[in-house]
Amino acid sequence: MFEYQTPTVTVIKVGGAVLSNPAALNRLLSALHVSALPFVLVHGGGQMTDEMLAQAGFKTEKRDGQRITPTEQMRVVTGALAGVANKSLVVQAQAVGFVAVGLSLADGPLVSLEHNASLGCVGEPSVHGKLESGRMVLAALLRAKALPIISSIGVTEDGILCNVNADLAAAAVADLLEAPLILLSDVPAILDAQGHPVGSLTIPEAEALLEQDFVQGGMRVKLAAAIHAAQRARRTTAIAGWADPDTVIALLHGHAGGTQIYPA
């Protein structure tokens, strides 16, 4: 049987405005390259997907922060996320010195997904366990000092190509690798009801915060993904802003930053 070990690694999720801001993305990738710390990059690309759908004559709809993806939109969504967004990130990562390899969740496949038919061609991480194929693929790339860059296009257990919320995809990859997770956001931390940044939370505190009415949309999905990752991987999960590379590097070194959710 194939023997492998996964190096100590962190999963970082990028999305939002940073993917449409080449200068900010270059600063972030450059800082990560200088750090020489191993990580896996998972990405979304909502703005790019919205633009490509509009060009194709489709409307974008979301429910509770997640994209509704009808069958007729999947070709466009797949092209946006696994194609344009993924390869653009690969090119930018290679430009700062990474040996970057573009993947999707469907390659391997990396993670097990269940079909959420209520949202169309949408997959959600399965509770049925981790896939050895995913761990083997990522471990081989990490051992080769390559940077895996993973788009949130996957395949369900019954063979349906699907779109996956990128925060949930990153949580599933962190669970697979038993790794800490950093979810990068347009805001530097989760805010409380008074608009103040929340520095750290236990899982019960995070679950209580998730029930509050002021936590809505994409931030609600992000917080739910952070809780899931902390529970399943038993590692710290952080939500931080992409605009401050120093905070991201500090988190990679195990220091405080953004909003951190602790498994115990």
C-alpha atoms as a PDB file:
ATOM      1  CA  MET A   1       0.000   0.000   0.000  1.00  0.00           C
ATOM      2  CA  PHE A   2       1.184   3.522  -0.782  1.00  0.00           C
ATOM      3  CA  GLU A   3       2.965   5.045   2.237  1.00  0.00           C
ATOM      4  CA  TYR A   4       2.742   8.755   2.816  1.00  0.00           C
ATOM      5  CA  GLN A   5       2.844  11.387   5.511  1.00  0.00           C
ATOM      6  CA  THR A   6       1.238  14.815   5.371  1.00  0.00           C
ATOM      7  CA  PRO A   7       3.606  17.615   6.411  1.00  0.00           C
ATOM      8  CA  THR A   8       2.454  20.126   9.017  1.00  0.00           C
ATOM      9  CA  VAL A   9       0.398  22.497   6.916  1.00  0.00           C
ATOM     10  CA  THR A  10      -2.224  25.247   7.167  1.00  0.00           C
ATOM     11  CA  VAL A  11      -5.251  25.615   4.885  1.00  0.00           C
ATOM     12  CA  ILE A  12      -5.912  29.193   3.725  1.00  0.00           C
ATOM     13  CA  LYS A  13      -9.097  30.224   1.938  1.00  0.00           C
ATOM     14  CA  VAL A  14      -9.156  33.317  -0.279  1.00  0.00           C
ATOM     15  CA  GLY A  15     -12.058  34.888  -2.078  1.00  0.00           C
ATOM     16  CA  GLY A  16     -14.020  38.088  -2.200  1.00  0.00           C
ATOM     17  CA  ALA A  17     -12.458  41.304  -3.366  1.00  0.00           C
ATOM     18  CA  VAL A  18      -8.847  40.130  -3.111  1.00  0.00           C
ATOM     19  CA  LEU A  19      -9.238  37.973  -6.224  1.00  0.00           C
ATOM     20  CA  SER A  20     -10.174  41.131  -8.137  1.00  0.00           C
ATOM     21  CA  ASN A  21      -7.324  43.145  -6.637  1.00  0.00           C
ATOM     22  CA  PRO A  22      -4.054  41.969  -8.257  1.00  0.00           C
ATOM     23  CA  ALA A  23      -1.869  44.312  -6.193  1.00  0.00           C
ATOM     24  CA  ALA A  24      -3.303  43.142  -2.862  1.00  0.00           C
ATOM     25  CA  LEU A  25      -3.142  39.513  -3.956  1.00  0.00           C
ATOM     26  CA  ASN A  26       0.495  39.957  -4.995  1.00  0.00           C
ATOM     27  CA  ARG A  27       1.362  41.408  -1.568  1.00  0.00           C
ATOM     28  CA  LEU A  28      -0.341  38.494   0.181  1.00  0.00           C
ATOM     29  CA  LEU A  29       1.258  35.803  -2.002  1.00  0.00           C
ATOM     30  CA  SER A  30       4.680  37.467  -1.758  1.00  0.00           C
ATOM     31  CA  ALA A  31       4.482  37.516   2.054  1.00  0.00           C
ATOM     32  CA  LEU A  32       3.411  33.863   2.100  1.00  0.00           C
ATOM     33  CA  HIS A  33       6.304  32.901  -0.179  1.00  0.00           C
ATOM     34  CA  VAL A  34       8.846  34.725   1.981  1.00  0.00           C
ATOM     35  CA  SER A  35       7.483  32.966   5.085  1.00  0.00           C
ATOM     36  CA  ALA A  36       8.432  29.566   3.548  1.00  0.00           C
ATOM     37  CA  LEU A  37       5.689  27.942   5.656  1.00  0.00           C
ATOM     38  CA  PRO A  38       3.680  25.121   4.002  1.00  0.00           C
ATOM     39  CA  PHE A  39       0.038  25.803   3.201  1.00  0.00           C
ATOM     40  CA  VAL A  40      -2.757  24.802   0.869  1.00  0.00           C
ATOM     41  CA  LEU A  41      -4.818  27.498  -0.858  1.00  0.00           C
ATOM     42  CA  VAL A  42      -8.567  27.055  -1.401  1.00  0.00           C
ATOM     43  CA  HIS A  43     -10.429  29.734  -3.324  1.00  0.00           C
ATOM     44  CA  GLY A  44     -13.829  30.903  -4.430  1.00  0.00           C
ATOM     45  CA  GLY A  45     -14.461  33.637  -6.975  1.00  0.00           C
ATOM     46  CA  GLY A  46     -17.948  34.978  -6.502  1.00  0.00           C
ATOM     47  CA  GLN A  47     -17.464  38.309  -8.232  1.00  0.00           C
ATOM     48  CA  MET A  48     -15.881  36.725 -11.298  1.00  0.00           C
ATOM     49  CA  THR A  49     -18.636  34.096 -11.400  1.00  0.00           C
ATOM     50  CA  ASP A  50     -21.345  36.781 -11.196  1.00  0.00           C
ATOM     51  CA  GLU A  51     -19.741  38.656 -14.094  1.00  0.00           C
ATOM     52  CA  MET A  52     -19.461  35.568 -16.305  1.00  0.00           C
ATOM     53  CA  LEU A  53     -23.032  34.507 -15.527  1.00  0.00           C
ATOM     54  CA  ALA A  54     -24.289  37.977 -16.442  1.00  0.00           C
ATOM     55  CA  GLN A  55     -22.362  37.850 -19.728  1.00  0.00           C
ATOM     56  CA  ALA A  56     -24.054  34.523 -20.476  1.00  0.00           C
ATOM     57  CA  GLY A  57     -27.494  36.007 -19.725  1.00  0.00           C
ATOM     58  CA  PHE A  58     -28.006  34.389 -16.306  1.00  0.00           C
ATOM     59  CA  LYS A  59     -29.048  35.946 -13.022  1.00  0.00           C
ATOM     60  CA  THR A  60     -27.265  35.282  -9.734  1.00  0.00           C
ATOM     61  CA  GLU A  61     -29.342  34.086  -6.808  1.00  0.00           C
ATOM     62  CA  LYS A  62     -28.235  33.276  -3.266  1.00  0.00           C
ATOM     63  CA  ARG A  63     -29.916  31.762  -0.246  1.00  0.00           C
ATOM     64  CA  ASP A  64     -28.477  32.224   3.254  1.00  0.00           C
ATOM     65  CA  GLY A  65     -25.153  33.293   1.767  1.00  0.00           C
ATOM     66  CA  GLN A  66     -24.848  30.310  -0.615  1.00  0.00           C
ATOM     67  CA  ARG A  67     -25.115  30.469  -4.396  1.00  0.00           C
ATOM     68  CA  ILE A  68     -28.073  28.736  -6.043  1.00  0.00           C
ATOM     69  CA  THR A  69     -26.603  26.892  -9.037  1.00  0.00           C
ATOM     70  CA  PRO A  70     -29.149  25.574 -11.576  1.00  0.00           C
ATOM     71  CA  THR A  71     -27.982  22.838 -13.945  1.00  0.00           C
ATOM     72  CA  GLU A  72     -27.915  25.224 -16.907  1.00  0.00           C
ATOM     73  CA  GLN A  73     -25.417  27.477 -15.088  1.00  0.00           C
ATOM     74  CA  MET A  74     -22.894  24.791 -14.121  1.00  0.00           C
ATOM     75  CA  ARG A  75     -20.767  25.102 -17.266  1.00  0.00           C
ATOM     76  CA  VAL A  76     -20.322  28.812 -16.658  1.00  0.00           C
ATOM     77  CA  VAL A  77     -19.715  28.406 -12.903  1.00  0.00           C
ATOM     78  CA  THR A  78     -17.199  25.605 -13.530  1.00  0.00           C
ATOM     79  CA  GLY A  79     -15.390  27.694 -16.143  1.00  0.00           C
ATOM     80  CA  ALA A  80     -15.262  30.695 -13.811  1.00  0.00           C
ATOM     81  CA  LEU A  81     -14.017  28.866 -10.701  1.00  0.00           C
ATOM     82  CA  ALA A  82     -12.021  25.846 -11.926  1.00  0.00           C
ATOM     83  CA  GLY A  83     -10.872  27.683 -15.051  1.00  0.00           C
ATOM     84  CA  VAL A  84     -10.357  31.448 -14.997  1.00  0.00           C
ATOM     85  CA  ALA A  85     -10.102  32.019 -11.232  1.00  0.00           C
ATOM     86  CA  ASN A  86      -7.964  28.946 -10.573  1.00  0.00           C
ATOM     87  CA  LYS A  87      -5.500  29.467 -13.384  1.00  0.00           C
ATOM     88  CA  SER A  88      -5.232  33.197 -12.662  1.00  0.00           C
ATOM     89  CA  LEU A  89      -4.240  32.353  -9.090  1.00  0.00           C
ATOM     90  CA  VAL A  90      -1.766  29.738 -10.314  1.00  0.00           C
ATOM     91  CA  VAL A  91      -0.103  32.284 -12.602  1.00  0.00           C
ATOM     92  CA  GLN A  92       0.106  34.910  -9.847  1.00  0.00           C
ATOM     93  CA  ALA A  93       1.513  32.394  -7.357  1.00  0.00           C
ATOM     94  CA  GLN A  94       4.136  31.231  -9.862  1.00  0.00           C
ATOM     95  CA  ALA A  95       5.097  34.859 -10.517  1.00  0.00           C
ATOM     96  CA  VAL A  96       6.213  35.307  -6.893  1.00  0.00           C
ATOM     97  CA  GLY A  97       8.152  32.028  -6.848  1.00  0.00           C
ATOM     98  CA  PHE A  98       5.762  29.218  -5.912  1.00  0.00           C
ATOM     99  CA  VAL A  99       5.631  25.892  -7.720  1.00  0.00           C
ATOM    100  CA  ALA A 100       1.858  26.195  -7.956  1.00  0.00           C
ATOM    101  CA  VAL A 101      -0.470  23.397  -9.093  1.00  0.00           C
ATOM    102  CA  GLY A 102      -4.129  24.105  -9.890  1.00  0.00           C
ATOM    103  CA  LEU A 103      -6.746  21.588  -8.750  1.00  0.00           C
ATOM    104  CA  SER A 104     -10.437  21.330  -8.041  1.00  0.00           C
ATOM    105  CA  LEU A 105     -12.214  19.373  -5.318  1.00  0.00           C
ATOM    106  CA  ALA A 106     -13.192  16.916  -8.070  1.00  0.00           C
ATOM    107  CA  ASP A 107      -9.563  15.916  -8.719  1.00  0.00           C
ATOM    108  CA  GLY A 108      -8.818  12.677  -6.907  1.00  0.00           C
ATOM    109  CA  PRO A 109     -11.481  13.411  -5.709  1.00  0.00           C
ATOM    110  CA  LEU A 110     -10.108  15.429  -2.809  1.00  0.00           C
ATOM    111  CA  VAL A 111     -13.187  15.428  -0.572  1.00  0.00           C
ATOM    112  CA  SER A 112     -16.476  13.553  -0.320  1.00  0.00           C
ATOM    113  CA  LEU A 113     -19.556  15.635  -1.143  1.00  0.00           C
ATOM    114  CA  GLU A 114     -23.303  15.160  -0.828  1.00  0.00           C
ATOM    115  CA  HIS A 115     -25.778  16.736  -3.236  1.00  0.00           C
ATOM    116  CA  ASN A 116     -27.843  19.618  -1.829  1.00  0.00           C
ATOM    117  CA  ALA A 117     -30.568  19.546  -4.477  1.00  0.00           C
ATOM    118  CA  SER A 118     -32.447  22.436  -2.854  1.00  0.00           C
ATOM    119  CA  LEU A 119     -29.711  24.745  -4.186  1.00  0.00           C
ATOM    120  CA  GLY A 120     -29.341  23.057  -7.596  1.00  0.00           C
ATOM    121  CA  CYS A 121     -25.951  21.606  -8.549  1.00  0.00           C
ATOM    122  CA  VAL A 122     -24.469  22.299  -5.123  1.00  0.00           C
ATOM    123  CA  GLY A 123     -22.412  19.963  -2.984  1.00  0.00           C
ATOM    124  CA  GLU A 124     -21.764  20.004   0.744  1.00  0.00           C
ATOM    125  CA  PRO A 125     -19.016  18.146   2.623  1.00  0.00           C
ATOM    126  CA  SER A 126     -20.115  14.620   3.467  1.00  0.00           C
ATOM    127  CA  VAL A 127     -20.264  13.300   7.017  1.00  0.00           C
ATOM    128  CA  HIS A 128     -19.224   9.853   5.731  1.00  0.00           C
ATOM    129  CA  GLY A 129     -15.540  10.398   6.381  1.00  0.00           C
ATOM    130  CA  LYS A 130     -12.340  11.442   4.673  1.00  0.00           C
ATOM    131  CA  LEU A 131     -11.123  10.248   1.278  1.00  0.00           C
ATOM    132  CA  GLU A 132      -7.707   8.591   1.145  1.00  0.00           C
ATOM    133  CA  SER A 133      -7.454   9.704  -2.487  1.00  0.00           C
ATOM    134  CA  GLY A 134      -7.602  13.335  -1.392  1.00  0.00           C
ATOM    135  CA  ARG A 135      -5.042  12.961   1.361  1.00  0.00           C
ATOM    136  CA  MET A 136      -2.644  11.078  -0.961  1.00  0.00           C
ATOM    137  CA  VAL A 137      -2.873  13.674  -3.740  1.00  0.00           C
ATOM    138  CA  LEU A 138      -2.259  16.628  -1.419  1.00  0.00           C
ATOM    139  CA  ALA A 139       0.453  14.854   0.572  1.00  0.00           C
ATOM    140  CA  ALA A 140       2.359  14.067  -2.638  1.00  0.00           C
ATOM    141  CA  LEU A 141       2.221  17.701  -3.773  1.00  0.00           C
ATOM    142  CA  LEU A 142       3.265  19.029  -0.368  1.00  0.00           C
ATOM    143  CA  ARG A 143       6.186  16.609  -0.177  1.00  0.00           C
ATOM    144  CA  ALA A 144       7.298  17.917  -3.572  1.00  0.00           C
ATOM    145  CA  LYS A 145       7.268  21.492  -2.126  1.00  0.00           C
ATOM    146  CA  ALA A 146       4.430  22.445  -4.474  1.00  0.00           C
ATOM    147  CA  LEU A 147       1.559  24.768  -3.574  1.00  0.00           C
ATOM    148  CA  PRO A 148      -1.856  23.173  -4.200  1.00  0.00           C
ATOM    149  CA  ILE A 149      -4.406  25.795  -5.298  1.00  0.00           C
ATOM    150  CA  ILE A 150      -7.885  24.285  -5.075  1.00  0.00           C
ATOM    151  CA  SER A 151     -11.088  25.595  -6.630  1.00  0.00           C
ATOM    152  CA  SER A 152     -14.457  24.834  -5.046  1.00  0.00           C
ATOM    153  CA  ILE A 153     -15.808  22.742  -7.934  1.00  0.00           C
ATOM    154  CA  GLY A 154     -16.351  19.149  -6.845  1.00  0.00           C
ATOM    155  CA  VAL A 155     -18.195  15.941  -7.573  1.00  0.00           C
ATOM    156  CA  THR A 156     -20.859  14.394  -5.355  1.00  0.00           C
ATOM    157  CA  GLU A 157     -20.872  10.801  -4.168  1.00  0.00           C
ATOM    158  CA  ASP A 158     -23.357   9.992  -6.950  1.00  0.00           C
ATOM    159  CA  GLY A 159     -21.204  11.563  -9.677  1.00  0.00           C
ATOM    160  CA  ILE A 160     -22.803  14.990 -10.077  1.00  0.00           C
ATOM    161  CA  LEU A 161     -20.468  17.890 -10.887  1.00  0.00           C
ATOM    162  CA  CYS A 162     -21.248  20.594  -8.359  1.00  0.00           C
ATOM    163  CA  ASN A 163     -20.446  23.994  -6.959  1.00  0.00           C
ATOM    164  CA  VAL A 164     -19.366  24.129  -3.300  1.00  0.00           C
ATOM    165  CA  ASN A 165     -19.297  27.148  -1.023  1.00  0.00           C
ATOM    166  CA  ALA A 166     -15.568  27.940  -0.793  1.00  0.00           C
ATOM    167  CA  ASP A 167     -15.592  28.413   2.995  1.00  0.00           C
ATOM    168  CA  LEU A 168     -17.165  24.972   3.445  1.00  0.00           C
ATOM    169  CA  ALA A 169     -14.721  23.537   0.888  1.00  0.00           C
ATOM    170  CA  ALA A 170     -11.772  24.941   2.842  1.00  0.00           C
ATOM    171  CA  ALA A 171     -13.164  23.513   6.078  1.00  0.00           C
ATOM    172  CA  ALA A 172     -13.414  20.082   4.433  1.00  0.00           C
ATOM    173  CA  VAL A 173      -9.799  20.265   3.217  1.00  0.00           C
ATOM    174  CA  ALA A 174      -8.656  21.320   6.702  1.00  0.00           C
ATOM    175  CA  ASP A 175     -10.555  18.366   8.146  1.00  0.00           C
ATOM    176  CA  LEU A 176      -8.921  16.044   5.601  1.00  0.00           C
ATOM    177  CA  LEU A 177      -5.414  17.241   6.508  1.00  0.00           C
ATOM    178  CA  GLU A 178      -6.180  17.722  10.224  1.00  0.00           C
ATOM    179  CA  ALA A 179      -4.833  21.225   9.707  1.00  0.00           C
ATOM    180  CA  PRO A 180      -5.484  24.701  11.102  1.00  0.00           C
ATOM    181  CA  LEU A 181      -7.689  26.851   8.854  1.00  0.00           C
ATOM    182  CA  ILE A 182      -7.506  30.552   8.022  1.00  0.00           C
ATOM    183  CA  LEU A 183     -10.577  31.987   6.300  1.00  0.00           C
ATOM    184  CA  LEU A 184      -9.638  35.310   4.714  1.00  0.00           C
ATOM    185  CA  SER A 185     -12.394  37.883   4.511  1.00  0.00           C
ATOM    186  CA  ASP A 186     -13.063  41.447   3.386  1.00  0.00           C
ATOM    187  CA  VAL A 187     -13.242  42.370   7.096  1.00  0.00           C
ATOM    188  CA  PRO A 188     -10.410  41.824   9.632  1.00  0.00           C
ATOM    189  CA  ALA A 189     -12.544  39.913  12.153  1.00  0.00           C
ATOM    190  CA  ILE A 190     -16.066  38.929  13.120  1.00  0.00           C
ATOM    191  CA  LEU A 191     -17.880  41.840  14.722  1.00  0.00           C
ATOM    192  CA  ASP A 192     -20.168  41.682  17.745  1.00  0.00           C
ATOM    193  CA  ALA A 193     -23.579  43.364  18.031  1.00  0.00           C
ATOM    194  CA  GLN A 194     -21.886  46.699  18.809  1.00  0.00           C
ATOM    195  CA  GLY A 195     -19.584  46.450  15.796  1.00  0.00           C
ATOM    196  CA  HIS A 196     -16.479  45.604  17.831  1.00  0.00           C
ATOM    197  CA  PRO A 197     -14.020  42.917  16.628  1.00  0.00           C
ATOM    198  CA  VAL A 198     -14.219  39.577  18.447  1.00  0.00           C
ATOM    199  CA  GLY A 199     -10.723  38.291  19.235  1.00  0.00           C
ATOM    200  CA  SER A 200     -11.290  34.688  20.288  1.00  0.00           C
ATOM    201  CA  LEU A 201     -14.131  32.248  20.832  1.00  0.00           C
ATOM    202  CA  THR A 202     -14.576  28.743  22.117  1.00  0.00           C
ATOM    203  CA  ILE A 203     -16.756  26.496  19.971  1.00  0.00           C
ATOM    204  CA  PRO A 204     -19.799  26.924  22.291  1.00  0.00           C
ATOM    205  CA  GLU A 205     -19.325  30.707  22.205  1.00  0.00           C
ATOM    206  CA  ALA A 206     -19.040  30.644  18.413  1.00  0.00           C
ATOM    207  CA  GLU A 207     -22.192  28.512  18.136  1.00  0.00           C
ATOM    208  CA  ALA A 208     -24.061  30.987  20.344  1.00  0.00           C
ATOM    209  CA  LEU A 209     -22.840  33.871  18.164  1.00  0.00           C
ATOM    210  CA  LEU A 210     -24.029  32.032  15.057  1.00  0.00           C
ATOM    211  CA  GLU A 211     -27.587  32.155  16.443  1.00  0.00           C
ATOM    212  CA  GLN A 212     -27.572  35.954  16.625  1.00  0.00           C
ATOM    213  CA  ASP A 213     -29.649  37.803  14.035  1.00  0.00           C
ATOM    214  CA  PHE A 214     -26.892  40.268  13.142  1.00  0.00           C
ATOM    215  CA  VAL A 215     -24.671  37.467  11.769  1.00  0.00           C
ATOM    216  CA  GLN A 216     -26.024  37.140   8.235  1.00  0.00           C
ATOM    217  CA  GLY A 217     -25.187  36.066   4.675  1.00  0.00           C
ATOM    218  CA  GLY A 218     -21.611  35.267   3.768  1.00  0.00           C
ATOM    219  CA  MET A 219     -20.278  35.938   7.266  1.00  0.00           C
ATOM    220  CA  ARG A 220     -22.778  33.436   8.664  1.00  0.00           C
ATOM    221  CA  VAL A 221     -21.517  30.763   6.246  1.00  0.00           C
ATOM    222  CA  LYS A 222     -17.914  31.678   7.086  1.00  0.00           C
ATOM    223  CA  LEU A 223     -18.526  31.382  10.830  1.00  0.00           C
ATOM    224  CA  ALA A 224     -20.345  28.056  10.360  1.00  0.00           C
ATOM    225  CA  ALA A 225     -17.402  26.750   8.294  1.00  0.00           C
ATOM    226  CA  ALA A 226     -14.939  27.901  10.965  1.00  0.00           C
ATOM    227  CA  ILE A 227     -16.908  26.084  13.664  1.00  0.00           C
ATOM    228  CA  HIS A 228     -17.085  22.942  11.513  1.00  0.00           C
ATOM    229  CA  ALA A 229     -13.338  22.971  10.886  1.00  0.00           C
ATOM    230  CA  ALA A 230     -12.490  23.517  14.559  1.00  0.00           C
ATOM    231  CA  GLN A 231     -14.797  20.665  15.561  1.00  0.00           C
ATOM    232  CA  ARG A 232     -13.761  18.141  12.924  1.00  0.00           C
ATOM    233  CA  ALA A 233     -10.025  18.844  12.600  1.00  0.00           C
ATOM    234  CA  ARG A 234      -9.620  19.702  16.308  1.00  0.00           C
ATOM    235  CA  ARG A 235      -7.443  22.623  15.263  1.00  0.00           C
ATOM    236  CA  THR A 236      -7.732  26.384  15.686  1.00  0.00           C
ATOM    237  CA  THR A 237      -9.661  28.193  12.958  1.00  0.00           C
ATOM    238  CA  ALA A 238      -9.224  31.908  12.272  1.00  0.00           C
ATOM    239  CA  ILE A 239     -11.233  34.468  10.331  1.00  0.00           C
ATOM    240  CA  ALA A 240      -9.018  37.384   9.289  1.00  0.00           C
ATOM    241  CA  GLY A 241      -8.724  40.124   6.667  1.00  0.00           C
ATOM    242  CA  TRP A 242      -6.829  39.537   3.432  1.00  0.00           C
ATOM    243  CA  ALA A 243      -5.663  43.170   3.368  1.00  0.00           C
ATOM    244  CA  ASP A 244      -3.132  42.624   6.191  1.00  0.00           C
ATOM    245  CA  PRO A 245      -0.512  40.015   5.174  1.00  0.00           C
ATOM    246  CA  ASP A 246       1.314  40.497   8.493  1.00  0.00           C
ATOM    247  CA  THR A 247      -1.704  39.137  10.376  1.00  0.00           C
ATOM    248  CA  VAL A 248      -1.875  36.130   8.039  1.00  0.00           C
ATOM    249  CA  ILE A 249       1.809  35.355   8.597  1.00  0.00           C
ATOM    250  CA  ALA A 250       1.372  35.765  12.369  1.00  0.00           C
ATOM    251  CA  LEU A 251      -1.490  33.247  12.267  1.00  0.00           C
ATOM    252  CA  LEU A 252       0.684  30.802  10.318  1.00  0.00           C
ATOM    253  CA  HIS A 253       3.212  31.056  13.146  1.00  0.00           C
ATOM    254  CA  GLY A 254       0.488  30.302  15.702  1.00  0.00           C
ATOM    255  CA  HIS A 255       0.090  33.859  17.004  1.00  0.00           C
ATOM    256  CA  ALA A 256      -3.168  35.721  17.633  1.00  0.00           C
ATOM    257  CA  GLY A 257      -5.011  37.609  14.903  1.00  0.00           C
ATOM    258  CA  GLY A 258      -8.488  38.190  13.526  1.00  0.00           C
ATOM    259  CA  THR A 259     -11.156  36.069  15.203  1.00  0.00           C
ATOM    260  CA  GLN A 260      -9.872  32.686  16.378  1.00  0.00           C
ATOM    261  CA  ILE A 261     -12.110  29.746  17.259  1.00  0.00           C
ATOM    262  CA  TYR A 262     -10.554  27.184  19.574  1.00  0.00           C
ATOM    263  CA  PRO A 263     -11.573  23.510  19.620  1.00  0.00           C
ATOM    264  CA  ALA A 264     -11.464  23.274  23.429  1.00  0.00           C
END
